[in-house]
Full PDB file with SEQRES, HELIX, SHEET, SSBOND, CRYST1, ORIGX, SCALE, CONECT and MASTER records, all heavy atoms in Angstrom:
SEQRES   1 A   38  GLU ILE PHE GLU ILE GLY GLU THR PHE GLU ILE ILE ILE          
SEQRES   2 A   38  HIS ALA GLY GLU ALA TYR GLU VAL ILE ILE ASN SER ASN          
SEQRES   3 A   38  GLY ILE ARG VAL HIS LEU ALA ASP LYS GLY MET GLY              
HELIX    1 AA1 LEU A   32  ASP A   34  5                                   3    
SHEET    1 AA1 3 THR A   8  HIS A  14  0                                        
SHEET    2 AA1 3 ALA A  18  SER A  25 -1                                        
SHEET    3 AA1 3 ILE A  28  HIS A  31 -1                                        
CRYST1    1.000    1.000    1.000  90.00  90.00  90.00 P 1           1          
ORIGX1      1.000000  0.000000  0.000000        0.00000                         
ORIGX2      0.000000  1.000000  0.000000        0.00000                         
ORIGX3      0.000000  0.000000  1.000000        0.00000                         
SCALE1      1.000000  0.000000  0.000000        0.00000                         
SCALE2      0.000000  1.000000  0.000000        0.00000                         
SCALE3      0.000000  0.000000  1.000000        0.00000                         
ATOM      1  N   GLU A   1     106.486  96.989 105.074  1.00  0.00           N  
ATOM      2  CA  GLU A   1     107.609  96.531 105.908  1.00  0.00           C  
ATOM      3  C   GLU A   1     107.155  95.488 106.916  1.00  0.00           C  
ATOM      4  O   GLU A   1     107.832  94.481 107.132  1.00  0.00           O  
ATOM      5  CB  GLU A   1     108.253  97.724 106.622  1.00  0.00           C  
ATOM      6  CG  GLU A   1     109.057  98.616 105.703  1.00  0.00           C  
ATOM      7  CD  GLU A   1     110.081  99.446 106.462  1.00  0.00           C  
ATOM      8  OE1 GLU A   1     110.963  98.846 107.126  1.00  0.00           O  
ATOM      9  OE2 GLU A   1     109.996 100.687 106.399  1.00  0.00           O  
ATOM     10  N   ILE A   2     106.003  95.722 107.531  1.00  0.00           N  
ATOM     11  CA  ILE A   2     105.509  94.772 108.534  1.00  0.00           C  
ATOM     12  C   ILE A   2     105.245  93.405 107.903  1.00  0.00           C  
ATOM     13  O   ILE A   2     105.535  92.364 108.510  1.00  0.00           O  
ATOM     14  CB  ILE A   2     104.231  95.324 109.204  1.00  0.00           C  
ATOM     15  CG1 ILE A   2     104.588  96.549 110.063  1.00  0.00           C  
ATOM     16  CG2 ILE A   2     103.544  94.244 110.057  1.00  0.00           C  
ATOM     17  CD1 ILE A   2     103.392  97.269 110.646  1.00  0.00           C  
ATOM     18  N   PHE A   3     104.730  93.401 106.685  1.00  0.00           N  
ATOM     19  CA  PHE A   3     104.438  92.137 105.992  1.00  0.00           C  
ATOM     20  C   PHE A   3     105.621  91.642 105.153  1.00  0.00           C  
ATOM     21  O   PHE A   3     105.470  90.745 104.333  1.00  0.00           O  
ATOM     22  CB  PHE A   3     103.183  92.278 105.120  1.00  0.00           C  
ATOM     23  CG  PHE A   3     101.903  92.153 105.900  1.00  0.00           C  
ATOM     24  CD1 PHE A   3     101.296  93.271 106.443  1.00  0.00           C  
ATOM     25  CD2 PHE A   3     101.311  90.915 106.117  1.00  0.00           C  
ATOM     26  CE1 PHE A   3     100.119  93.168 107.175  1.00  0.00           C  
ATOM     27  CE2 PHE A   3     100.147  90.794 106.844  1.00  0.00           C  
ATOM     28  CZ  PHE A   3      99.546  91.931 107.382  1.00  0.00           C  
ATOM     29  N   GLU A   4     106.779  92.267 105.363  1.00  0.00           N  
ATOM     30  CA  GLU A   4     108.042  91.797 104.785  1.00  0.00           C  
ATOM     31  C   GLU A   4     108.023  91.790 103.255  1.00  0.00           C  
ATOM     32  O   GLU A   4     108.598  90.918 102.595  1.00  0.00           O  
ATOM     33  CB  GLU A   4     108.383  90.397 105.312  1.00  0.00           C  
ATOM     34  CG  GLU A   4     108.486  90.346 106.825  1.00  0.00           C  
ATOM     35  CD  GLU A   4     108.633  88.930 107.365  1.00  0.00           C  
ATOM     36  OE1 GLU A   4     108.745  87.993 106.557  1.00  0.00           O  
ATOM     37  OE2 GLU A   4     108.619  88.762 108.597  1.00  0.00           O  
ATOM     38  N   ILE A   5     107.338  92.793 102.672  1.00  0.00           N  
ATOM     39  CA  ILE A   5     107.288  92.919 101.218  1.00  0.00           C  
ATOM     40  C   ILE A   5     108.467  93.751 100.723  1.00  0.00           C  
ATOM     41  O   ILE A   5     109.091  93.433  99.713  1.00  0.00           O  
ATOM     42  CB  ILE A   5     105.962  93.578 100.771  1.00  0.00           C  
ATOM     43  CG1 ILE A   5     104.765  92.746 101.248  1.00  0.00           C  
ATOM     44  CG2 ILE A   5     105.912  93.741  99.250  1.00  0.00           C  
ATOM     45  CD1 ILE A   5     103.437  93.470 101.117  1.00  0.00           C  
ATOM     46  N   GLY A   6     108.780  94.825 101.416  1.00  0.00           N  
ATOM     47  CA  GLY A   6     109.855  95.725 101.038  1.00  0.00           C  
ATOM     48  C   GLY A   6     109.705  97.050 101.763  1.00  0.00           C  
ATOM     49  O   GLY A   6     108.813  97.209 102.602  1.00  0.00           O  
ATOM     50  N   GLU A   7     110.599  98.007 101.444  1.00  0.00           N  
ATOM     51  CA  GLU A   7     110.546  99.297 102.137  1.00  0.00           C  
ATOM     52  C   GLU A   7     109.627 100.308 101.438  1.00  0.00           C  
ATOM     53  O   GLU A   7     108.955 101.095 102.075  1.00  0.00           O  
ATOM     54  CB  GLU A   7     111.940  99.908 102.259  1.00  0.00           C  
ATOM     55  CG  GLU A   7     112.860  99.183 103.230  1.00  0.00           C  
ATOM     56  CD  GLU A   7     113.535  97.987 102.584  1.00  0.00           C  
ATOM     57  OE1 GLU A   7     113.965  98.104 101.422  1.00  0.00           O  
ATOM     58  OE2 GLU A   7     113.606  96.928 103.239  1.00  0.00           O  
ATOM     59  N   THR A   8     109.671 100.308 100.119  1.00  0.00           N  
ATOM     60  CA  THR A   8     108.841 101.251  99.380  1.00  0.00           C  
ATOM     61  C   THR A   8     108.495 100.656  98.016  1.00  0.00           C  
ATOM     62  O   THR A   8     108.909  99.538  97.695  1.00  0.00           O  
ATOM     63  CB  THR A   8     109.548 102.613  99.212  1.00  0.00           C  
ATOM     64  OG1 THR A   8     108.644 103.559  98.635  1.00  0.00           O  
ATOM     65  CG2 THR A   8     110.797 102.486  98.345  1.00  0.00           C  
ATOM     66  N   PHE A   9     107.746 101.412  97.214  1.00  0.00           N  
ATOM     67  CA  PHE A   9     107.264 100.880  95.939  1.00  0.00           C  
ATOM     68  C   PHE A   9     107.168 101.996  94.906  1.00  0.00           C  
ATOM     69  O   PHE A   9     107.160 103.185  95.241  1.00  0.00           O  
ATOM     70  CB  PHE A   9     105.900 100.217  96.114  1.00  0.00           C  
ATOM     71  CG  PHE A   9     104.806 101.201  96.467  1.00  0.00           C  
ATOM     72  CD1 PHE A   9     103.895 101.613  95.504  1.00  0.00           C  
ATOM     73  CD2 PHE A   9     104.701 101.732  97.744  1.00  0.00           C  
ATOM     74  CE1 PHE A   9     102.895 102.526  95.813  1.00  0.00           C  
ATOM     75  CE2 PHE A   9     103.705 102.644  98.062  1.00  0.00           C  
ATOM     76  CZ  PHE A   9     102.802 103.037  97.096  1.00  0.00           C  
ATOM     77  N   GLU A  10     107.060 101.603  93.662  1.00  0.00           N  
ATOM     78  CA  GLU A  10     106.899 102.552  92.566  1.00  0.00           C  
ATOM     79  C   GLU A  10     105.941 101.949  91.548  1.00  0.00           C  
ATOM     80  O   GLU A  10     106.070 100.788  91.170  1.00  0.00           O  
ATOM     81  CB  GLU A  10     108.253 102.822  91.901  1.00  0.00           C  
ATOM     82  CG  GLU A  10     108.199 103.834  90.775  1.00  0.00           C  
ATOM     83  CD  GLU A  10     109.547 104.028  90.103  1.00  0.00           C  
ATOM     84  OE1 GLU A  10     110.534 103.386  90.549  1.00  0.00           O  
ATOM     85  OE2 GLU A  10     109.616 104.792  89.128  1.00  0.00           O  
ATOM     86  N   ILE A  11     104.940 102.749  91.135  1.00  0.00           N  
ATOM     87  CA  ILE A  11     103.995 102.304  90.112  1.00  0.00           C  
ATOM     88  C   ILE A  11     104.320 103.029  88.810  1.00  0.00           C  
ATOM     89  O   ILE A  11     104.333 104.266  88.762  1.00  0.00           O  
ATOM     90  CB  ILE A  11     102.539 102.577  90.532  1.00  0.00           C  
ATOM     91  CG1 ILE A  11     102.203 101.835  91.826  1.00  0.00           C  
ATOM     92  CG2 ILE A  11     101.574 102.152  89.424  1.00  0.00           C  
ATOM     93  CD1 ILE A  11     100.808 102.123  92.366  1.00  0.00           C  
ATOM     94  N   ILE A  12     104.576 102.267  87.759  1.00  0.00           N  
ATOM     95  CA  ILE A  12     104.924 102.830  86.451  1.00  0.00           C  
ATOM     96  C   ILE A  12     103.834 102.425  85.459  1.00  0.00           C  
ATOM     97  O   ILE A  12     103.470 101.248  85.380  1.00  0.00           O  
ATOM     98  CB  ILE A  12     106.285 102.305  85.968  1.00  0.00           C  
ATOM     99  CG1 ILE A  12     107.368 102.597  87.015  1.00  0.00           C  
ATOM    100  CG2 ILE A  12     106.654 102.906  84.625  1.00  0.00           C  
ATOM    101  CD1 ILE A  12     108.661 101.853  86.776  1.00  0.00           C  
ATOM    102  N   ILE A  13     103.311 103.402  84.722  1.00  0.00           N  
ATOM    103  CA  ILE A  13     102.285 103.092  83.727  1.00  0.00           C  
ATOM    104  C   ILE A  13     102.923 103.058  82.337  1.00  0.00           C  
ATOM    105  O   ILE A  13     103.760 103.891  82.002  1.00  0.00           O  
ATOM    106  CB  ILE A  13     101.116 104.119  83.781  1.00  0.00           C  
ATOM    107  CG1 ILE A  13      99.976 103.662  82.875  1.00  0.00           C  
ATOM    108  CG2 ILE A  13     101.591 105.515  83.454  1.00  0.00           C  
ATOM    109  CD1 ILE A  13      98.680 104.421  83.101  1.00  0.00           C  
ATOM    110  N   HIS A  14     102.541 102.068  81.538  1.00  0.00           N  
ATOM    111  CA  HIS A  14     103.103 101.885  80.202  1.00  0.00           C  
ATOM    112  C   HIS A  14     102.022 102.119  79.141  1.00  0.00           C  
ATOM    113  O   HIS A  14     101.049 101.347  79.050  1.00  0.00           O  
ATOM    114  CB  HIS A  14     103.669 100.468  80.051  1.00  0.00           C  
ATOM    115  CG  HIS A  14     104.858 100.215  80.916  1.00  0.00           C  
ATOM    116  ND1 HIS A  14     106.135 100.608  80.574  1.00  0.00           N  
ATOM    117  CD2 HIS A  14     104.975  99.606  82.134  1.00  0.00           C  
ATOM    118  CE1 HIS A  14     106.984 100.251  81.523  1.00  0.00           C  
ATOM    119  NE2 HIS A  14     106.304  99.648  82.490  1.00  0.00           N  
ATOM    120  N   ALA A  15     102.201 103.199  78.358  1.00  0.00           N  
ATOM    121  CA  ALA A  15     101.338 103.510  77.212  1.00  0.00           C  
ATOM    122  C   ALA A  15      99.852 103.564  77.564  1.00  0.00           C  
ATOM    123  O   ALA A  15      98.993 103.324  76.711  1.00  0.00           O  
ATOM    124  CB  ALA A  15     101.571 102.484  76.099  1.00  0.00           C  
ATOM    125  N   GLY A  16      99.562 103.878  78.815  1.00  0.00           N  
ATOM    126  CA  GLY A  16      98.164 103.956  79.223  1.00  0.00           C  
ATOM    127  C   GLY A  16      97.438 102.631  79.199  1.00  0.00           C  
ATOM    128  O   GLY A  16      96.203 102.587  79.286  1.00  0.00           O  
ATOM    129  N   GLU A  17      98.184 101.523  79.098  1.00  0.00           N  
ATOM    130  CA  GLU A  17      97.567 100.197  78.962  1.00  0.00           C  
ATOM    131  C   GLU A  17      97.785  99.286  80.160  1.00  0.00           C  
ATOM    132  O   GLU A  17      96.945  98.453  80.473  1.00  0.00           O  
ATOM    133  CB  GLU A  17      98.128  99.504  77.708  1.00  0.00           C  
ATOM    134  CG  GLU A  17      97.762 100.178  76.404  1.00  0.00           C  
ATOM    135  CD  GLU A  17      96.302  99.973  76.034  1.00  0.00           C  
ATOM    136  OE1 GLU A  17      95.684  99.015  76.557  1.00  0.00           O  
ATOM    137  OE2 GLU A  17      95.772 100.770  75.244  1.00  0.00           O  
ATOM    138  N   ALA A  18      98.936  99.424  80.810  1.00  0.00           N  
ATOM    139  CA  ALA A  18      99.264  98.481  81.886  1.00  0.00           C  
ATOM    140  C   ALA A  18     100.179  99.146  82.918  1.00  0.00           C  
ATOM    141  O   ALA A  18     100.868 100.134  82.620  1.00  0.00           O  
ATOM    142  CB  ALA A  18      99.939  97.235  81.317  1.00  0.00           C  
ATOM    143  N   TYR A  19     100.155  98.587  84.122  1.00  0.00           N  
ATOM    144  CA  TYR A  19     100.997  99.078  85.207  1.00  0.00           C  
ATOM    145  C   TYR A  19     102.107  98.077  85.514  1.00  0.00           C  
ATOM    146  O   TYR A  19     101.940  96.867  85.371  1.00  0.00           O  
ATOM    147  CB  TYR A  19     100.170  99.283  86.481  1.00  0.00           C  
ATOM    148  CG  TYR A  19      99.109 100.347  86.371  1.00  0.00           C  
ATOM    149  CD1 TYR A  19      97.767 100.002  86.204  1.00  0.00           C  
ATOM    150  CD2 TYR A  19      99.439 101.694  86.443  1.00  0.00           C  
ATOM    151  CE1 TYR A  19      96.789 100.976  86.114  1.00  0.00           C  
ATOM    152  CE2 TYR A  19      98.469 102.675  86.353  1.00  0.00           C  
ATOM    153  CZ  TYR A  19      97.143 102.315  86.190  1.00  0.00           C  
ATOM    154  OH  TYR A  19      96.189 103.285  86.097  1.00  0.00           O  
ATOM    155  N   GLU A  20     103.218  98.628  85.969  1.00  0.00           N  
ATOM    156  CA  GLU A  20     104.324  97.827  86.468  1.00  0.00           C  
ATOM    157  C   GLU A  20     104.583  98.293  87.903  1.00  0.00           C  
ATOM    158  O   GLU A  20     104.637  99.503  88.164  1.00  0.00           O  
ATOM    159  CB  GLU A  20     105.560  98.041  85.604  1.00  0.00           C  
ATOM    160  CG  GLU A  20     106.782  97.247  86.023  1.00  0.00           C  
ATOM    161  CD  GLU A  20     107.989  97.574  85.158  1.00  0.00           C  
ATOM    162  OE1 GLU A  20     107.959  98.610  84.448  1.00  0.00           O  
ATOM    163  OE2 GLU A  20     108.959  96.804  85.199  1.00  0.00           O  
ATOM    164  N   VAL A  21     104.693  97.374  88.841  1.00  0.00           N  
ATOM    165  CA  VAL A  21     104.934  97.724  90.234  1.00  0.00           C  
ATOM    166  C   VAL A  21     106.318  97.211  90.628  1.00  0.00           C  
ATOM    167  O   VAL A  21     106.596  96.009  90.552  1.00  0.00           O  
ATOM    168  CB  VAL A  21     103.865  97.129  91.165  1.00  0.00           C  
ATOM    169  CG1 VAL A  21     104.153  97.520  92.618  1.00  0.00           C  
ATOM    170  CG2 VAL A  21     102.472  97.607  90.764  1.00  0.00           C  
ATOM    171  N   ILE A  22     107.166  98.149  91.043  1.00  0.00           N  
ATOM    172  CA  ILE A  22     108.530  97.814  91.457  1.00  0.00           C  
ATOM    173  C   ILE A  22     108.625  97.956  92.971  1.00  0.00           C  
ATOM    174  O   ILE A  22     108.251  98.994  93.532  1.00  0.00           O  
ATOM    175  CB  ILE A  22     109.565  98.724  90.771  1.00  0.00           C  
ATOM    176  CG1 ILE A  22     109.432  98.644  89.245  1.00  0.00           C  
ATOM    177  CG2 ILE A  22     110.979  98.353  91.208  1.00  0.00           C  
ATOM    178  CD1 ILE A  22     109.717  97.281  88.662  1.00  0.00           C  
ATOM    179  N   ILE A  23     109.145  96.937  93.613  1.00  0.00           N  
ATOM    180  CA  ILE A  23     109.344  96.949  95.060  1.00  0.00           C  
ATOM    181  C   ILE A  23     110.821  97.167  95.361  1.00  0.00           C  
ATOM    182  O   ILE A  23     111.687  96.492  94.785  1.00  0.00           O  
ATOM    183  CB  ILE A  23     108.890  95.616  95.698  1.00  0.00           C  
ATOM    184  CG1 ILE A  23     107.426  95.330  95.344  1.00  0.00           C  
ATOM    185  CG2 ILE A  23     109.100  95.637  97.211  1.00  0.00           C  
ATOM    186  CD1 ILE A  23     106.423  96.317  95.870  1.00  0.00           C  
ATOM    187  N   ASN A  24     111.104  98.116  96.244  1.00  0.00           N  
ATOM    188  CA  ASN A  24     112.473  98.342  96.693  1.00  0.00           C  
ATOM    189  C   ASN A  24     112.668  97.585  97.999  1.00  0.00           C  
ATOM    190  O   ASN A  24     112.072  97.908  99.021  1.00  0.00           O  
ATOM    191  CB  ASN A  24     112.728  99.844  96.900  1.00  0.00           C  
ATOM    192  CG  ASN A  24     114.195 100.152  97.138  1.00  0.00           C  
ATOM    193  OD1 ASN A  24     114.878  99.426  97.867  1.00  0.00           O  
ATOM    194  ND2 ASN A  24     114.678 101.232  96.545  1.00  0.00           N  
ATOM    195  N   SER A  25     113.510  96.544  97.955  1.00  0.00           N  
ATOM    196  CA  SER A  25     113.731  95.693  99.122  1.00  0.00           C  
ATOM    197  C   SER A  25     115.225  95.588  99.395  1.00  0.00           C  
ATOM    198  O   SER A  25     115.962  94.988  98.614  1.00  0.00           O  
ATOM    199  CB  SER A  25     113.147  94.297  98.869  1.00  0.00           C  
ATOM    200  OG  SER A  25     113.314  93.468  99.982  1.00  0.00           O  
ATOM    201  N   ASN A  26     115.687  96.247 100.479  1.00  0.00           N  
ATOM    202  CA  ASN A  26     117.110  96.248 100.843  1.00  0.00           C  
ATOM    203  C   ASN A  26     117.982  96.764  99.700  1.00  0.00           C  
ATOM    204  O   ASN A  26     119.065  96.228  99.416  1.00  0.00           O  
ATOM    205  CB  ASN A  26     117.563  94.840 101.255  1.00  0.00           C  
ATOM    206  CG  ASN A  26     116.863  94.349 102.502  1.00  0.00           C  
ATOM    207  OD1 ASN A  26     116.648  95.113 103.445  1.00  0.00           O  
ATOM    208  ND2 ASN A  26     116.477  93.081 102.503  1.00  0.00           N  
ATOM    209  N   GLY A  27     117.504  97.813  99.037  1.00  0.00           N  
ATOM    210  CA  GLY A  27     118.267  98.412  97.958  1.00  0.00           C  
ATOM    211  C   GLY A  27     118.158  97.691  96.640  1.00  0.00           C  
ATOM    212  O   GLY A  27     118.743  98.117  95.635  1.00  0.00           O  
ATOM    213  N   ILE A  28     117.422  96.596  96.580  1.00  0.00           N  
ATOM    214  CA  ILE A  28     117.247  95.816  95.353  1.00  0.00           C  
ATOM    215  C   ILE A  28     115.852  96.070  94.797  1.00  0.00           C  
ATOM    216  O   ILE A  28     114.856  96.009  95.512  1.00  0.00           O  
ATOM    217  CB  ILE A  28     117.440  94.308  95.622  1.00  0.00           C  
ATOM    218  CG1 ILE A  28     118.836  94.054  96.199  1.00  0.00           C  
ATOM    219  CG2 ILE A  28     117.233  93.501  94.347  1.00  0.00           C  
ATOM    220  CD1 ILE A  28     119.037  92.633  96.681  1.00  0.00           C  
ATOM    221  N   ARG A  29     115.792  96.362  93.495  1.00  0.00           N  
ATOM    222  CA  ARG A  29     114.506  96.597  92.829  1.00  0.00           C  
ATOM    223  C   ARG A  29     113.985  95.283  92.260  1.00  0.00           C  
ATOM    224  O   ARG A  29     114.675  94.617  91.478  1.00  0.00           O  
ATOM    225  CB  ARG A  29     114.661  97.645  91.733  1.00  0.00           C  
ATOM    226  CG  ARG A  29     114.899  99.050  92.268  1.00  0.00           C  
ATOM    227  CD  ARG A  29     115.417  99.990  91.192  1.00  0.00           C  
ATOM    228  NE  ARG A  29     114.517 100.102  90.069  1.00  0.00           N  
ATOM    229  CZ  ARG A  29     113.446 100.910  90.010  1.00  0.00           C  
ATOM    230  NH1 ARG A  29     113.158 101.674  91.051  1.00  0.00           N  
ATOM    231  NH2 ARG A  29     112.680 100.962  88.936  1.00  0.00           N  
ATOM    232  N   VAL A  30     112.740  94.930  92.668  1.00  0.00           N  
ATOM    233  CA  VAL A  30     112.157  93.643  92.282  1.00  0.00           C  
ATOM    234  C   VAL A  30     110.732  93.866  91.795  1.00  0.00           C  
ATOM    235  O   VAL A  30     109.984  94.674  92.365  1.00  0.00           O  
ATOM    236  CB  VAL A  30     112.136  92.662  93.485  1.00  0.00           C  
ATOM    237  CG1 VAL A  30     111.574  91.306  93.062  1.00  0.00           C  
ATOM    238  CG2 VAL A  30     113.522  92.501  94.087  1.00  0.00           C  
ATOM    239  N   HIS A  31     110.346  93.174  90.705  1.00  0.00           N  
ATOM    240  CA  HIS A  31     108.947  93.211  90.281  1.00  0.00           C  
ATOM    241  C   HIS A  31     108.070  92.604  91.380  1.00  0.00           C  
ATOM    242  O   HIS A  31     108.422  91.579  91.971  1.00  0.00           O  
ATOM    243  CB  HIS A  31     108.749  92.399  88.993  1.00  0.00           C  
ATOM    244  CG  HIS A  31     109.277  93.084  87.770  1.00  0.00           C  
ATOM    245  ND1 HIS A  31     108.672  94.188  87.218  1.00  0.00           N  
ATOM    246  CD2 HIS A  31     110.354  92.817  86.993  1.00  0.00           C  
ATOM    247  CE1 HIS A  31     109.340  94.578  86.152  1.00  0.00           C  
ATOM    248  NE2 HIS A  31     110.374  93.763  85.986  1.00  0.00           N  
ATOM    249  N   LEU A  32     106.918  93.230  91.627  1.00  0.00           N  
ATOM    250  CA  LEU A  32     105.991  92.681  92.630  1.00  0.00           C  
ATOM    251  C   LEU A  32     105.633  91.239  92.310  1.00  0.00           C  
ATOM    252  O   LEU A  32     105.525  90.394  93.208  1.00  0.00           O  
ATOM    253  CB  LEU A  32     104.720  93.540  92.699  1.00  0.00           C  
ATOM    254  CG  LEU A  32     103.599  93.018  93.610  1.00  0.00           C  
ATOM    255  CD1 LEU A  32     104.080  92.884  95.056  1.00  0.00           C  
ATOM    256  CD2 LEU A  32     102.379  93.937  93.542  1.00  0.00           C  
ATOM    257  N   ALA A  33     105.466  90.936  91.029  1.00  0.00           N  
ATOM    258  CA  ALA A  33     105.078  89.579  90.619  1.00  0.00           C  
ATOM    259  C   ALA A  33     106.131  88.537  90.992  1.00  0.00           C  
ATOM    260  O   ALA A  33     105.829  87.344  91.058  1.00  0.00           O  
ATOM    261  CB  ALA A  33     104.829  89.537  89.115  1.00  0.00           C  
ATOM    262  N   ASP A  34     107.373  89.001  91.251  1.00  0.00           N  
ATOM    263  CA  ASP A  34     108.452  88.073  91.604  1.00  0.00           C  
ATOM    264  C   ASP A  34     108.624  87.913  93.108  1.00  0.00           C  
ATOM    265  O   ASP A  34     109.560  87.238  93.556  1.00  0.00           O  
ATOM    266  CB  ASP A  34     109.777  88.559  90.999  1.00  0.00           C  
ATOM    267  CG  ASP A  34     109.745  88.554  89.480  1.00  0.00           C  
ATOM    268  OD1 ASP A  34     108.949  87.776  88.912  1.00  0.00           O  
ATOM    269  OD2 ASP A  34     110.489  89.346  88.871  1.00  0.00           O  
ATOM    270  N   LYS A  35     107.747  88.532  93.874  1.00  0.00           N  
ATOM    271  CA  LYS A  35     107.891  88.497  95.338  1.00  0.00           C  
ATOM    272  C   LYS A  35     107.215  87.290  95.982  1.00  0.00           C  
ATOM    273  O   LYS A  35     107.328  87.071  97.168  1.00  0.00           O  
ATOM    274  CB  LYS A  35     107.314  89.782  95.953  1.00  0.00           C  
ATOM    275  CG  LYS A  35     108.094  91.033  95.649  1.00  0.00           C  
ATOM    276  CD  LYS A  35     109.454  91.031  96.335  1.00  0.00           C  
ATOM    277  CE  LYS A  35     109.318  91.108  97.840  1.00  0.00           C  
ATOM    278  NZ  LYS A  35     110.636  91.180  98.502  1.00  0.00           N  
ATOM    279  N   GLY A  36     106.458  86.523  95.239  1.00  0.00           N  
ATOM    280  CA  GLY A  36     105.775  85.370  95.827  1.00  0.00           C  
ATOM    281  C   GLY A  36     104.325  85.672  96.121  1.00  0.00           C  
ATOM    282  O   GLY A  36     103.921  86.834  96.293  1.00  0.00           O  
ATOM    283  N   MET A  37     103.515  84.616  96.201  1.00  0.00           N  
ATOM    284  CA  MET A  37     102.072  84.782  96.348  1.00  0.00           C  
ATOM    285  C   MET A  37     101.687  85.448  97.662  1.00  0.00           C  
ATOM    286  O   MET A  37     100.710  86.186  97.732  1.00  0.00           O  
ATOM    287  CB  MET A  37     101.375  83.425  96.221  1.00  0.00           C  
ATOM    288  CG  MET A  37     101.430  82.840  94.811  1.00  0.00           C  
ATOM    289  SD  MET A  37     100.691  83.927  93.561  1.00  0.00           S  
ATOM    290  CE  MET A  37      98.964  83.901  94.056  1.00  0.00           C  
ATOM    291  N   GLY A  38     102.449  85.196  98.739  1.00  0.00           N  
ATOM    292  CA  GLY A  38     102.142  85.831 100.022  1.00  0.00           C  
ATOM    293  C   GLY A  38     102.290  87.338  99.952  1.00  0.00           C  
ATOM    294  O   GLY A  38     101.411  88.080 100.411  1.00  0.00           O  
TER     295      GLY A  38                                                      
MASTER        0    0    0    1    3    0    0    6  294    1    0    3          
END                                                                             
């Protein structure tokens, strides 16, 4: 929250091969990769 990324997060693992990180920002679910380099 302090760094303006979002309120909370969720880590989802797919087939034991890769992770997906979802950011909850103002009720909107966004991929971490779509949040910008900062």
